[in-house]
Amino acid sequence: MYKRLRKYIKKMKTSKKTSIKDIANVLGVSPSTVSRALNNNSRISYKTRVAVQQMAEKLGYQPNQLANALRSGKSYLVGVIIPRNNSAFFSSVVENIEKVLNKEGYNIIIALSYESYEKECNNIDSLLFTQVDGIIASIANETIELDYYRKIKEKGIPLILFDRGGDDLEVDYVGIDDYNSSHIIIDHLVERGCKKIAHISGFSHKRIYKHRMMGYRDALKKNNLKLNERLIIESNLRIEDGRRVMKQFLELSERPDAVYAAGDFAALGALQVLLENGVKVPQEIALVGFSNESFTSYVSPPISTINQHSEQIGKKAAELFLERIKNPSQEEGVSKVIIDAQLIVRGSSDKI
């Protein structure tokens, strides 16, 4: 056997990856015996199972996940689509999804859309081809048409959306109360004496940004503040967007005395411009962001922001998938889990 083992190790250095047939040839057993042993089939003796598994490890055998999925109808893989990987929020959500799913024997495949509709569609196609058992996703900023997500539903594959959902998709969703979050922010700024509050918004075709915008408008009305459309600008909420919009606000004849950015990266860009122009924060212009990105507590002044409870969102999204996969025939309606947000008050808005 050792002669055969050396022969196959030498062959592997110059040929394709190890197959079940290779392991069978080294051990002198049938490929079907190897296959059953690798799957811990009780019909194969314990001694043979151990020998096969040890040899598979020595030869660097990697199972064909796609082939296994096609045979069994289950891959134990879950696709997770996120818009970007430079966000502490998305990183934390993914980490907590993985923790929950790993305990149940599932692994995740992370796909990045980079806020691109085309990339997102390609990600969905790839995950479906890989025979994933489910998809957990946050929709890209560019995405307006939801046909690709409907394709997931049509195939009967569990689809869980988090943070950024789609109003037209009847699927499970986990997120925070975006509408009420805006009320919390505006109430806080009004309490600090602010009366001309600007809003750097995300694109209103996205449900979360539409709800944050509605909350902003209604909160101004509730506090008897005048709505100025020139103080509302939609953007991609990147650092450069925050910088660009803040420059526009500073050029107005009546500057705002506070800015509410619907994302922390935009808030950071706005803060940079304020400091570069000698504007005192928060004394002249207060600033509040959204998402509690890690950098918000380290800049000076630290940025007030909304904690979206990413840990809870990740865990709940994974649990919703597990509920769907364990009860595929359940006819109950979709689950909409809305988590209360929390305002973290820091130096950028705390005038008192």
Protein backbone atom coordinates (compact mmCIF):
# COMPACT_ATOMS: atom_id res chain seq x y z
CA MET A 1 0.00 0.00 0.00
CA TYR A 2 2.82 2.41 0.86
CA LYS A 3 4.29 1.94 -2.63
CA ARG A 4 0.91 2.82 -4.14
CA LEU A 5 0.62 5.82 -1.80
CA ARG A 6 4.02 7.22 -2.87
CA LYS A 7 3.01 6.67 -6.50
CA TYR A 8 -0.21 8.65 -6.13
CA ILE A 9 1.40 11.47 -4.12
CA LYS A 10 3.98 11.84 -6.90
CA LYS A 11 1.23 11.75 -9.53
CA MET A 12 -0.83 14.40 -7.71
CA LYS A 13 2.00 16.91 -7.94
CA THR A 14 1.66 16.99 -11.69
CA SER A 15 -2.01 16.11 -12.24
CA LYS A 16 -5.57 17.00 -11.26
CA LYS A 17 -6.90 17.04 -7.72
CA THR A 18 -7.49 13.82 -5.77
CA SER A 19 -10.64 11.86 -6.54
CA ILE A 20 -12.54 9.12 -4.70
CA LYS A 21 -11.12 6.70 -7.27
CA ASP A 22 -7.56 7.69 -6.29
CA ILE A 23 -8.24 6.91 -2.62
CA ALA A 24 -9.84 3.60 -3.59
CA ASN A 25 -6.79 2.59 -5.69
CA VAL A 26 -4.36 3.35 -2.85
CA LEU A 27 -6.38 1.38 -0.30
CA GLY A 28 -7.35 -1.40 -2.66
CA VAL A 29 -11.09 -0.99 -2.12
CA SER A 30 -13.97 0.04 -4.36
CA PRO A 31 -14.88 3.70 -5.02
CA SER A 32 -18.35 3.03 -3.59
CA THR A 33 -16.76 1.86 -0.32
CA VAL A 34 -14.71 5.09 -0.16
CA SER A 35 -17.80 7.20 -0.86
CA ARG A 36 -19.80 5.50 1.89
CA ALA A 37 -16.88 5.71 4.33
CA LEU A 38 -16.45 9.44 3.71
CA ASN A 39 -20.14 9.87 4.50
CA ASN A 40 -19.82 7.79 7.71
CA ASN A 41 -22.18 5.11 6.41
CA SER A 42 -22.74 2.56 9.21
CA ARG A 43 -22.63 -0.30 6.67
CA ILE A 44 -18.87 0.28 6.41
CA SER A 45 -16.78 -0.95 9.33
CA TYR A 46 -15.35 1.60 11.72
CA LYS A 47 -11.80 0.47 10.87
CA THR A 48 -12.37 1.03 7.13
CA ARG A 49 -14.04 4.40 7.69
CA VAL A 50 -11.06 5.62 9.74
CA ALA A 51 -8.59 4.32 7.13
CA VAL A 52 -10.45 6.03 4.28
CA GLN A 53 -10.80 9.34 6.11
CA GLN A 54 -7.13 9.37 7.12
CA MET A 55 -6.05 8.57 3.56
CA ALA A 56 -8.34 11.30 2.18
CA GLU A 57 -6.62 13.78 4.47
CA LYS A 58 -3.13 12.60 3.44
CA LEU A 59 -3.98 12.92 -0.24
CA GLY A 60 -5.62 16.31 0.23
CA TYR A 61 -9.00 15.12 -0.98
CA GLN A 62 -11.64 17.87 -1.32
CA PRO A 63 -15.26 16.77 -1.85
CA ASN A 64 -17.13 18.17 -4.85
CA GLN A 65 -19.72 20.32 -3.10
CA LEU A 66 -21.80 20.81 -6.24
CA ALA A 67 -21.91 17.08 -7.00
CA ASN A 68 -22.89 16.34 -3.40
CA ALA A 69 -25.66 18.92 -3.60
CA LEU A 70 -27.02 17.44 -6.82
CA ARG A 71 -27.05 13.94 -5.28
CA SER A 72 -28.52 14.80 -1.90
CA GLY A 73 -30.59 17.87 -2.72
CA LYS A 74 -28.83 19.71 0.10
CA SER A 75 -25.49 21.54 0.02
CA TYR A 76 -25.34 22.95 3.56
CA LEU A 77 -24.22 26.20 1.97
CA VAL A 78 -25.92 29.57 2.41
CA GLY A 79 -25.17 32.55 0.19
CA VAL A 80 -24.79 35.92 1.92
CA ILE A 81 -24.87 38.96 -0.37
CA ILE A 82 -23.68 42.29 1.04
CA PRO A 83 -23.16 45.64 -0.72
CA ARG A 84 -19.62 46.26 0.56
CA ASN A 85 -17.00 44.88 2.92
CA ASN A 86 -15.61 48.14 4.37
CA SER A 87 -18.50 48.49 6.77
CA ALA A 88 -18.38 47.39 10.41
CA PHE A 89 -22.15 46.94 10.26
CA PHE A 90 -22.10 44.42 7.39
CA SER A 91 -19.02 42.66 8.79
CA SER A 92 -20.76 42.19 12.13
CA VAL A 93 -23.98 40.96 10.50
CA VAL A 94 -22.05 38.38 8.46
CA GLU A 95 -20.05 37.25 11.49
CA ASN A 96 -23.22 36.62 13.50
CA ILE A 97 -24.97 34.87 10.60
CA GLU A 98 -21.99 32.54 10.34
CA LYS A 99 -21.90 31.81 14.09
CA VAL A 100 -25.52 30.69 14.14
CA LEU A 101 -25.37 28.68 10.91
CA ASN A 102 -22.07 26.94 11.72
CA LYS A 103 -23.66 25.45 14.82
CA GLU A 104 -26.24 23.81 12.56
CA GLY A 105 -23.65 22.44 10.13
CA TYR A 106 -23.96 25.16 7.47
CA ASN A 107 -21.18 27.17 5.86
CA ILE A 108 -21.62 30.52 4.15
CA ILE A 109 -20.48 31.89 0.80
CA ILE A 110 -20.00 35.67 0.94
CA ALA A 111 -20.75 37.59 -2.26
CA LEU A 112 -20.11 41.33 -2.68
CA SER A 113 -22.27 43.46 -4.94
CA TYR A 114 -20.22 46.67 -4.49
CA GLU A 115 -23.60 48.47 -4.71
CA SER A 116 -23.85 47.32 -8.37
CA TYR A 117 -27.08 45.88 -9.83
CA GLU A 118 -25.17 43.92 -12.49
CA LYS A 119 -22.77 42.45 -9.95
CA GLU A 120 -25.66 41.56 -7.68
CA CYS A 121 -27.43 39.67 -10.50
CA ASN A 122 -24.20 37.77 -11.27
CA ASN A 123 -23.86 36.90 -7.58
CA ILE A 124 -27.38 35.47 -7.49
CA ASP A 125 -26.77 33.40 -10.63
CA SER A 126 -23.52 32.01 -9.18
CA LEU A 127 -25.10 31.12 -5.84
CA LEU A 128 -28.04 29.40 -7.52
CA PHE A 129 -25.64 27.44 -9.74
CA THR A 130 -23.74 26.37 -6.61
CA GLN A 131 -27.01 24.91 -5.27
CA VAL A 132 -27.04 26.94 -2.04
CA ASP A 133 -29.78 26.01 0.39
CA GLY A 134 -30.74 29.64 0.94
CA ILE A 135 -29.73 33.25 0.39
CA ILE A 136 -29.48 36.05 2.96
CA ALA A 137 -29.01 39.46 1.34
CA SER A 138 -28.93 43.23 1.67
CA ILE A 139 -29.90 44.87 -1.63
CA ALA A 140 -27.41 47.07 -3.53
CA ASN A 141 -28.05 50.81 -3.85
CA GLU A 142 -28.21 50.57 -7.66
CA THR A 143 -30.87 47.87 -7.63
CA ILE A 144 -34.37 48.97 -8.57
CA GLU A 145 -35.66 45.94 -10.48
CA LEU A 146 -36.10 42.93 -8.20
CA ASP A 147 -36.58 40.22 -10.85
CA TYR A 148 -33.46 38.33 -9.80
CA TYR A 149 -34.68 38.14 -6.22
CA ARG A 150 -38.05 36.92 -7.48
CA LYS A 151 -36.15 34.19 -9.33
CA ILE A 152 -34.85 32.93 -5.97
CA LYS A 153 -38.41 32.76 -4.63
CA GLU A 154 -39.67 31.00 -7.75
CA LYS A 155 -37.09 28.25 -7.23
CA GLY A 156 -38.43 27.68 -3.73
CA ILE A 157 -35.14 28.69 -2.10
CA PRO A 158 -35.46 30.53 1.25
CA LEU A 159 -34.64 34.22 0.85
CA ILE A 160 -34.03 36.43 3.88
CA LEU A 161 -33.39 40.15 3.43
CA PHE A 162 -31.80 42.35 6.07
CA ASP A 163 -31.28 46.10 6.48
CA ARG A 164 -32.20 46.89 2.86
CA GLY A 165 -35.39 45.11 1.88
CA GLY A 166 -37.78 45.47 -1.01
CA ASP A 167 -41.36 46.63 -0.49
CA ASP A 168 -42.52 44.55 -3.47
CA LEU A 169 -40.92 41.32 -2.23
CA GLU A 170 -42.95 39.15 0.12
CA VAL A 171 -39.99 37.58 1.93
CA ASP A 172 -38.67 37.43 5.48
CA TYR A 173 -36.93 40.63 6.58
CA VAL A 174 -34.85 41.82 9.54
CA GLY A 175 -33.95 45.45 10.18
CA ILE A 176 -34.38 48.41 12.47
CA ASP A 177 -37.20 50.95 12.68
CA ASP A 178 -35.78 53.46 10.20
CA TYR A 179 -38.75 55.81 10.42
CA ASN A 180 -38.60 56.09 14.19
CA SER A 181 -34.79 56.39 14.09
CA SER A 182 -35.14 59.69 12.23
CA HIS A 183 -37.58 60.93 14.88
CA ILE A 184 -35.05 60.06 17.59
CA ILE A 185 -32.31 62.00 15.77
CA ILE A 186 -34.43 65.10 15.04
CA ASP A 187 -35.83 65.18 18.58
CA HIS A 188 -32.28 65.04 19.92
CA LEU A 189 -31.10 67.90 17.69
CA VAL A 190 -34.13 70.03 18.57
CA GLU A 191 -33.43 69.45 22.25
CA ARG A 192 -29.92 70.81 21.58
CA GLY A 193 -31.41 74.00 20.14
CA CYS A 194 -31.11 73.20 16.41
CA LYS A 195 -33.79 74.68 14.10
CA LYS A 196 -32.42 74.36 10.55
CA ILE A 197 -31.68 70.67 10.19
CA ALA A 198 -30.35 69.40 6.84
CA HIS A 199 -30.53 65.79 5.65
CA ILE A 200 -27.96 63.90 3.56
CA SER A 201 -30.21 61.09 2.39
CA GLY A 202 -29.69 57.81 0.63
CA PHE A 203 -31.61 57.19 -2.60
CA SER A 204 -35.34 57.20 -1.92
CA HIS A 205 -36.03 54.15 -4.13
CA LYS A 206 -34.50 52.13 -1.28
CA ARG A 207 -37.02 51.31 1.42
CA ILE A 208 -34.74 52.14 4.36
CA TYR A 209 -33.79 55.57 3.01
CA LYS A 210 -37.39 56.33 2.02
CA HIS A 211 -38.47 55.56 5.58
CA ARG A 212 -35.63 57.61 7.08
CA MET A 213 -36.67 60.50 4.82
CA MET A 214 -40.32 60.17 5.85
CA GLY A 215 -39.27 60.12 9.49
CA TYR A 216 -37.13 63.23 8.98
CA ARG A 217 -39.97 65.15 7.32
CA ASP A 218 -42.58 64.12 9.87
CA ALA A 219 -40.25 64.81 12.80
CA LEU A 220 -39.65 68.37 11.55
CA LYS A 221 -43.40 68.88 11.32
CA LYS A 222 -43.94 67.42 14.78
CA ASN A 223 -41.38 69.87 16.20
CA ASN A 224 -42.92 72.83 14.32
CA LEU A 225 -39.81 73.32 12.15
CA LYS A 226 -40.02 74.61 8.61
CA LEU A 227 -39.15 72.12 5.85
CA ASN A 228 -36.59 73.48 3.38
CA GLU A 229 -36.21 71.24 0.31
CA ARG A 230 -32.78 72.76 -0.38
CA LEU A 231 -31.59 71.10 2.83
CA ILE A 232 -32.38 67.60 1.52
CA ILE A 233 -29.94 65.97 -0.93
CA GLU A 234 -29.92 62.30 -1.96
CA SER A 235 -26.60 60.51 -2.52
CA ASN A 236 -24.69 57.21 -2.35
CA LEU A 237 -23.66 58.11 1.22
CA ARG A 238 -19.95 57.59 0.58
CA ILE A 239 -17.29 59.84 2.13
CA GLU A 240 -16.99 61.82 -1.11
CA ASP A 241 -20.78 62.29 -1.18
CA GLY A 242 -20.74 63.67 2.35
CA ARG A 243 -17.99 66.09 1.36
CA ARG A 244 -19.77 67.23 -1.80
CA VAL A 245 -23.15 67.76 -0.12
CA MET A 246 -21.64 69.54 2.88
CA LYS A 247 -19.91 72.00 0.56
CA GLN A 248 -23.29 72.70 -1.04
CA PHE A 249 -24.85 73.36 2.36
CA LEU A 250 -22.06 75.76 3.32
CA GLU A 251 -22.64 77.79 0.13
CA LEU A 252 -26.27 78.49 1.06
CA SER A 253 -27.16 81.99 2.22
CA GLU A 254 -28.80 80.39 5.26
CA ARG A 255 -26.60 77.59 6.45
CA PRO A 256 -28.11 74.72 8.42
CA ASP A 257 -27.28 74.53 12.10
CA ALA A 258 -27.37 70.72 12.06
CA VAL A 259 -26.88 67.91 9.55
CA TYR A 260 -28.38 64.43 9.78
CA ALA A 261 -26.57 62.01 7.45
CA ALA A 262 -28.30 58.69 6.71
CA GLY A 263 -24.91 56.90 6.78
CA ASP A 264 -21.73 57.29 8.82
CA PHE A 265 -19.39 57.47 5.82
CA ALA A 266 -21.29 60.50 4.52
CA ALA A 267 -21.21 61.98 8.03
CA LEU A 268 -17.41 61.54 8.09
CA GLY A 269 -17.06 63.36 4.76
CA ALA A 270 -19.30 66.16 6.05
CA LEU A 271 -17.23 66.46 9.22
CA GLN A 272 -14.01 66.74 7.21
CA VAL A 273 -15.40 69.67 5.21
CA LEU A 274 -16.71 71.42 8.33
CA LEU A 275 -13.34 71.20 10.06
CA GLU A 276 -11.45 72.26 6.90
CA ASN A 277 -13.63 75.38 6.74
CA GLY A 278 -13.17 76.29 10.39
CA VAL A 279 -16.78 75.53 11.32
CA LYS A 280 -17.12 74.66 15.00
CA VAL A 281 -18.80 71.28 15.57
CA PRO A 282 -21.29 71.11 17.26
CA GLN A 283 -21.44 74.78 18.34
CA GLU A 284 -22.13 76.14 14.83
CA ILE A 285 -23.28 73.01 13.04
CA ALA A 286 -24.17 69.78 14.84
CA LEU A 287 -23.79 66.45 13.08
CA VAL A 288 -25.40 63.00 13.44
CA GLY A 289 -24.65 59.89 11.36
CA PHE A 290 -26.16 56.42 11.07
CA SER A 291 -24.84 52.84 11.61
CA ASN A 292 -22.24 53.22 14.39
CA GLU A 293 -19.25 52.44 12.19
CA SER A 294 -16.10 51.87 14.25
CA PHE A 295 -14.41 55.11 13.17
CA THR A 296 -17.24 57.28 14.57
CA SER A 297 -15.90 56.98 18.12
CA TYR A 298 -12.29 57.76 17.14
CA VAL A 299 -12.56 60.95 15.08
CA SER A 300 -12.56 64.36 16.75
CA PRO A 301 -15.17 65.28 17.67
CA PRO A 302 -16.61 61.75 17.82
CA ILE A 303 -19.74 61.39 15.69
CA SER A 304 -23.17 60.84 17.21
CA THR A 305 -24.84 57.95 15.41
CA ILE A 306 -27.56 55.29 15.41
CA ASN A 307 -26.67 51.81 16.66
CA GLN A 308 -28.40 49.37 14.30
CA HIS A 309 -27.78 46.34 16.54
CA SER A 310 -25.93 44.39 13.84
CA GLU A 311 -25.43 41.39 16.15
CA GLN A 312 -29.17 40.94 16.62
CA ILE A 313 -29.85 41.43 12.90
CA GLY A 314 -27.29 38.78 11.91
CA LYS A 315 -28.50 36.23 14.43
CA LYS A 316 -32.16 36.75 13.61
CA ALA A 317 -31.57 36.54 9.84
CA ALA A 318 -29.82 33.19 10.32
CA GLU A 319 -32.59 31.93 12.61
CA LEU A 320 -35.25 32.87 10.05
CA PHE A 321 -33.40 30.85 7.41
CA LEU A 322 -33.20 27.84 9.73
CA GLU A 323 -36.93 28.10 10.46
CA ARG A 324 -37.68 28.12 6.71
CA ILE A 325 -35.34 25.22 5.92
CA LYS A 326 -36.72 23.08 8.77
CA ASN A 327 -40.33 23.78 7.83
CA PRO A 328 -40.30 24.13 4.03
CA SER A 329 -44.03 23.48 3.72
CA GLN A 330 -45.17 26.02 6.31
CA GLU A 331 -47.85 28.24 4.85
CA GLU A 332 -47.61 31.07 7.36
CA GLY A 333 -46.96 34.60 6.14
CA VAL A 334 -43.53 36.15 5.97
CA SER A 335 -41.75 37.38 9.09
CA LYS A 336 -40.89 41.06 9.43
CA VAL A 337 -38.59 41.54 12.41
CA ILE A 338 -38.13 45.21 13.32
CA ILE A 339 -35.57 46.03 16.01
CA ASP A 340 -35.63 49.31 17.94
CA ALA A 341 -32.64 51.53 17.17
CA GLN A 342 -30.53 53.37 19.73
CA LEU A 343 -29.01 56.84 19.43
CA ILE A 344 -25.44 57.10 20.67
CA VAL A 345 -24.85 60.74 21.60
CA ARG A 346 -21.26 61.93 21.13
CA GLY A 347 -19.39 65.20 20.77
CA SER A 348 -20.52 66.06 17.23
CA SER A 349 -24.05 66.89 18.40
CA ASP A 350 -23.92 67.26 22.17
CA LYS A 351 -24.04 71.02 22.67
CA ILE A 352 -24.88 70.83 26.35
